[in-house]
Amino acid sequence: MTIKEQQDRIIEDFEVFGDWMEKYEYIIQLGKDLPLIDPKYKTDDNLIRGCQSKVWLHAELQDGKLVFTADSDAVITKGLVSLVIQVLSGHPPKDIAEAEIYFIDAIGLTSHLSPTRSNGLLSMLKQMKLYAVAFQAKSMQN
């Protein structure tokens, strides 16, 4: 699935829910299903700056595709990072770096998160795109 297709699928998934309590429960469930980051990557270097909660994010290039793993000490944040990983993980760095991320606004997430959680979500996206740019630049040097 492309990044666009992943985003469209998430938008469709969220249309099923009638209210925001159901959507929050779904986000929390996504966090519970998130494949955890290897404990050796739960370091200060992998902490996302700008998040209210602690969020660790690790990026690794596998067969030309960037694979993200993450963890958080807060259930809702874990669900949020899981959503972003669903969209961006497993794609070439170039695609991630150039991707337009629209699902967050489309599902109404921005208006239903506290300002600090919204900032944290944007920080996660920014970090993932920075990883993509870095891996893209590194591959051009080789």
C-alpha atoms as a PDB file:
ATOM      1  CA  MET A   1       0.000   0.000   0.000  1.00  0.00           C
ATOM      2  CA  THR A   2       1.229   3.500  -0.775  1.00  0.00           C
ATOM      3  CA  ILE A   3       1.406   6.225   1.861  1.00  0.00           C
ATOM      4  CA  LYS A   4      -1.693   7.812   0.311  1.00  0.00           C
ATOM      5  CA  GLU A   5      -3.575   4.488   0.381  1.00  0.00           C
ATOM      6  CA  GLN A   6      -2.605   3.959   4.034  1.00  0.00           C
ATOM      7  CA  GLN A   7      -3.951   7.404   4.925  1.00  0.00           C
ATOM      8  CA  ASP A   8      -7.187   6.780   3.016  1.00  0.00           C
ATOM      9  CA  ARG A   9      -7.637   3.460   4.843  1.00  0.00           C
ATOM     10  CA  ILE A  10      -7.215   5.155   8.240  1.00  0.00           C
ATOM     11  CA  ILE A  11      -9.759   7.825   7.247  1.00  0.00           C
ATOM     12  CA  GLU A  12     -12.216   5.046   6.311  1.00  0.00           C
ATOM     13  CA  ASP A  13     -11.521   3.217   9.592  1.00  0.00           C
ATOM     14  CA  PHE A  14     -12.345   6.348  11.584  1.00  0.00           C
ATOM     15  CA  GLU A  15     -15.592   6.982   9.680  1.00  0.00           C
ATOM     16  CA  VAL A  16     -17.036   3.849  11.323  1.00  0.00           C
ATOM     17  CA  PHE A  17     -16.999   5.426  14.784  1.00  0.00           C
ATOM     18  CA  GLY A  18     -19.888   7.584  15.913  1.00  0.00           C
ATOM     19  CA  ASP A  19     -18.207   9.720  18.536  1.00  0.00           C
ATOM     20  CA  TRP A  20     -14.798  10.687  19.823  1.00  0.00           C
ATOM     21  CA  MET A  21     -14.896   8.364  22.817  1.00  0.00           C
ATOM     22  CA  GLU A  22     -15.013   5.422  20.403  1.00  0.00           C
ATOM     23  CA  LYS A  23     -12.196   6.957  18.352  1.00  0.00           C
ATOM     24  CA  TYR A  24     -10.036   7.417  21.460  1.00  0.00           C
ATOM     25  CA  GLU A  25     -10.676   3.792  22.453  1.00  0.00           C
ATOM     26  CA  TYR A  26      -9.597   2.727  18.965  1.00  0.00           C
ATOM     27  CA  ILE A  27      -6.429   4.852  19.166  1.00  0.00           C
ATOM     28  CA  ILE A  28      -5.608   3.318  22.560  1.00  0.00           C
ATOM     29  CA  GLN A  29      -6.145  -0.173  21.099  1.00  0.00           C
ATOM     30  CA  LEU A  30      -3.779   0.655  18.225  1.00  0.00           C
ATOM     31  CA  GLY A  31      -1.173   1.591  20.831  1.00  0.00           C
ATOM     32  CA  LYS A  32      -1.606  -1.774  22.550  1.00  0.00           C
ATOM     33  CA  ASP A  33      -1.034  -3.519  19.202  1.00  0.00           C
ATOM     34  CA  LEU A  34       2.085  -1.471  18.365  1.00  0.00           C
ATOM     35  CA  PRO A  35       5.149  -3.679  17.847  1.00  0.00           C
ATOM     36  CA  LEU A  36       7.473  -2.469  20.571  1.00  0.00           C
ATOM     37  CA  ILE A  37      10.825  -0.886  20.023  1.00  0.00           C
ATOM     38  CA  ASP A  38      13.804  -3.018  21.032  1.00  0.00           C
ATOM     39  CA  PRO A  39      14.721  -1.945  24.592  1.00  0.00           C
ATOM     40  CA  LYS A  40      18.264  -1.134  23.437  1.00  0.00           C
ATOM     41  CA  TYR A  41      16.777   1.743  21.381  1.00  0.00           C
ATOM     42  CA  LYS A  42      14.919   3.272  24.346  1.00  0.00           C
ATOM     43  CA  THR A  43      17.632   5.868  24.793  1.00  0.00           C
ATOM     44  CA  ASP A  44      17.669   9.646  25.133  1.00  0.00           C
ATOM     45  CA  ASP A  45      18.925   9.860  21.534  1.00  0.00           C
ATOM     46  CA  ASN A  46      15.673   8.267  20.337  1.00  0.00           C
ATOM     47  CA  LEU A  47      13.345  10.407  22.455  1.00  0.00           C
ATOM     48  CA  ILE A  48      11.075  12.720  20.476  1.00  0.00           C
ATOM     49  CA  ARG A  49      11.534  16.309  21.580  1.00  0.00           C
ATOM     50  CA  GLY A  50       8.335  18.307  21.926  1.00  0.00           C
ATOM     51  CA  CYS A  51       6.163  15.496  23.250  1.00  0.00           C
ATOM     52  CA  GLN A  52       4.405  15.816  26.587  1.00  0.00           C
ATOM     53  CA  SER A  53       4.905  12.079  27.152  1.00  0.00           C
ATOM     54  CA  LYS A  54       8.048  10.092  26.553  1.00  0.00           C
ATOM     55  CA  VAL A  55       8.112   8.725  23.005  1.00  0.00           C
ATOM     56  CA  TRP A  56      11.006   6.703  21.666  1.00  0.00           C
ATOM     57  CA  LEU A  57      11.288   6.325  17.904  1.00  0.00           C
ATOM     58  CA  HIS A  58      13.811   4.193  16.042  1.00  0.00           C
ATOM     59  CA  ALA A  59      14.325   4.104  12.278  1.00  0.00           C
ATOM     60  CA  GLU A  60      16.133   1.404  10.353  1.00  0.00           C
ATOM     61  CA  LEU A  61      16.671   0.889   6.630  1.00  0.00           C
ATOM     62  CA  GLN A  62      15.643  -2.604   5.497  1.00  0.00           C
ATOM     63  CA  ASP A  63      15.829  -3.500   1.801  1.00  0.00           C
ATOM     64  CA  GLY A  64      15.652   0.156   0.788  1.00  0.00           C
ATOM     65  CA  LYS A  65      12.629   0.866   2.974  1.00  0.00           C
ATOM     66  CA  LEU A  66      12.521   2.762   6.243  1.00  0.00           C
ATOM     67  CA  VAL A  67      11.044   0.766   9.125  1.00  0.00           C
ATOM     68  CA  PHE A  68      10.004   2.532  12.316  1.00  0.00           C
ATOM     69  CA  THR A  69       9.507   1.092  15.778  1.00  0.00           C
ATOM     70  CA  ALA A  70       8.381   3.076  18.791  1.00  0.00           C
ATOM     71  CA  ASP A  71       7.093   3.088  22.343  1.00  0.00           C
ATOM     72  CA  SER A  72       5.598   5.604  24.736  1.00  0.00           C
ATOM     73  CA  ASP A  73       4.860   5.835  28.421  1.00  0.00           C
ATOM     74  CA  ALA A  74       1.299   7.094  27.711  1.00  0.00           C
ATOM     75  CA  VAL A  75      -1.428   4.951  26.125  1.00  0.00           C
ATOM     76  CA  ILE A  76      -2.963   7.642  23.908  1.00  0.00           C
ATOM     77  CA  THR A  77       0.458   8.743  22.673  1.00  0.00           C
ATOM     78  CA  LYS A  78       1.360   5.156  21.931  1.00  0.00           C
ATOM     79  CA  GLY A  79      -1.768   4.975  19.771  1.00  0.00           C
ATOM     80  CA  LEU A  80      -0.881   8.199  17.986  1.00  0.00           C
ATOM     81  CA  VAL A  81       2.627   7.017  17.138  1.00  0.00           C
ATOM     82  CA  SER A  82       1.114   3.717  15.981  1.00  0.00           C
ATOM     83  CA  LEU A  83      -1.100   5.608  13.499  1.00  0.00           C
ATOM     84  CA  VAL A  84       1.861   7.501  12.053  1.00  0.00           C
ATOM     85  CA  ILE A  85       3.947   4.319  11.845  1.00  0.00           C
ATOM     86  CA  GLN A  86       1.107   2.581   9.951  1.00  0.00           C
ATOM     87  CA  VAL A  87       1.257   5.349   7.368  1.00  0.00           C
ATOM     88  CA  LEU A  88       5.009   5.895   7.001  1.00  0.00           C
ATOM     89  CA  SER A  89       6.812   2.675   7.954  1.00  0.00           C
ATOM     90  CA  GLY A  90       7.891   0.329   5.176  1.00  0.00           C
ATOM     91  CA  HIS A  91       8.318   2.940   2.459  1.00  0.00           C
ATOM     92  CA  PRO A  92      11.407   4.290   0.696  1.00  0.00           C
ATOM     93  CA  PRO A  93      12.947   7.320   2.459  1.00  0.00           C
ATOM     94  CA  LYS A  94      12.248   9.531  -0.585  1.00  0.00           C
ATOM     95  CA  ASP A  95       8.513   8.720  -0.452  1.00  0.00           C
ATOM     96  CA  ILE A  96       8.375   9.459   3.287  1.00  0.00           C
ATOM     97  CA  ALA A  97      10.300  12.724   2.953  1.00  0.00           C
ATOM     98  CA  GLU A  98       7.995  13.944   0.175  1.00  0.00           C
ATOM     99  CA  ALA A  99       4.707  12.622   1.586  1.00  0.00           C
ATOM    100  CA  GLU A 100       1.851  14.980   2.237  1.00  0.00           C
ATOM    101  CA  ILE A 101       0.261  13.905   5.504  1.00  0.00           C
ATOM    102  CA  TYR A 102      -3.446  14.711   5.428  1.00  0.00           C
ATOM    103  CA  PHE A 103      -5.143  11.975   7.463  1.00  0.00           C
ATOM    104  CA  ILE A 104      -4.653  13.772  10.788  1.00  0.00           C
ATOM    105  CA  ASP A 105      -6.850  16.699   9.754  1.00  0.00           C
ATOM    106  CA  ALA A 106      -9.213  14.480   7.763  1.00  0.00           C
ATOM    107  CA  ILE A 107     -10.142  12.384  10.815  1.00  0.00           C
ATOM    108  CA  GLY A 108     -10.449  15.481  13.010  1.00  0.00           C
ATOM    109  CA  LEU A 109      -7.591  14.519  15.266  1.00  0.00           C
ATOM    110  CA  THR A 110      -6.022  17.968  15.438  1.00  0.00           C
ATOM    111  CA  SER A 111      -9.165  19.551  16.849  1.00  0.00           C
ATOM    112  CA  HIS A 112      -9.684  16.777  19.423  1.00  0.00           C
ATOM    113  CA  LEU A 113      -6.208  16.695  20.935  1.00  0.00           C
ATOM    114  CA  SER A 114      -4.860  19.046  23.550  1.00  0.00           C
ATOM    115  CA  PRO A 115      -2.341  21.566  22.185  1.00  0.00           C
ATOM    116  CA  THR A 116       0.533  19.671  23.809  1.00  0.00           C
ATOM    117  CA  ARG A 117      -0.569  16.341  22.274  1.00  0.00           C
ATOM    118  CA  SER A 118      -0.992  18.028  18.865  1.00  0.00           C
ATOM    119  CA  ASN A 119       2.518  19.440  19.149  1.00  0.00           C
ATOM    120  CA  GLY A 120       3.799  16.008  20.120  1.00  0.00           C
ATOM    121  CA  LEU A 121       2.127  14.407  17.111  1.00  0.00           C
ATOM    122  CA  LEU A 122       3.669  17.018  14.818  1.00  0.00           C
ATOM    123  CA  SER A 123       7.062  16.388  16.471  1.00  0.00           C
ATOM    124  CA  MET A 124       6.722  12.649  15.741  1.00  0.00           C
ATOM    125  CA  LEU A 125       5.948  13.346  12.080  1.00  0.00           C
ATOM    126  CA  LYS A 126       8.777  15.844  11.815  1.00  0.00           C
ATOM    127  CA  GLN A 127      11.256  13.356  13.308  1.00  0.00           C
ATOM    128  CA  MET A 128      10.140  10.583  10.951  1.00  0.00           C
ATOM    129  CA  LYS A 129      10.581  12.876   7.954  1.00  0.00           C
ATOM    130  CA  LEU A 130      14.006  13.950   9.252  1.00  0.00           C
ATOM    131  CA  TYR A 131      15.030  10.287   9.496  1.00  0.00           C
ATOM    132  CA  ALA A 132      13.810   9.810   5.915  1.00  0.00           C
ATOM    133  CA  VAL A 133      15.829  12.798   4.657  1.00  0.00           C
ATOM    134  CA  ALA A 134      18.932  11.573   6.519  1.00  0.00           C
ATOM    135  CA  PHE A 135      18.648   8.034   5.124  1.00  0.00           C
ATOM    136  CA  GLN A 136      17.986   9.428   1.649  1.00  0.00           C
ATOM    137  CA  ALA A 137      21.084  11.618   1.824  1.00  0.00           C
ATOM    138  CA  LYS A 138      23.163   8.711   3.155  1.00  0.00           C
ATOM    139  CA  SER A 139      22.073   6.455   0.270  1.00  0.00           C
ATOM    140  CA  MET A 140      23.042   9.135  -2.259  1.00  0.00           C
ATOM    141  CA  GLN A 141      26.566   9.205  -0.822  1.00  0.00           C
ATOM    142  CA  ASN A 142      27.052   5.467  -1.302  1.00  0.00           C
END
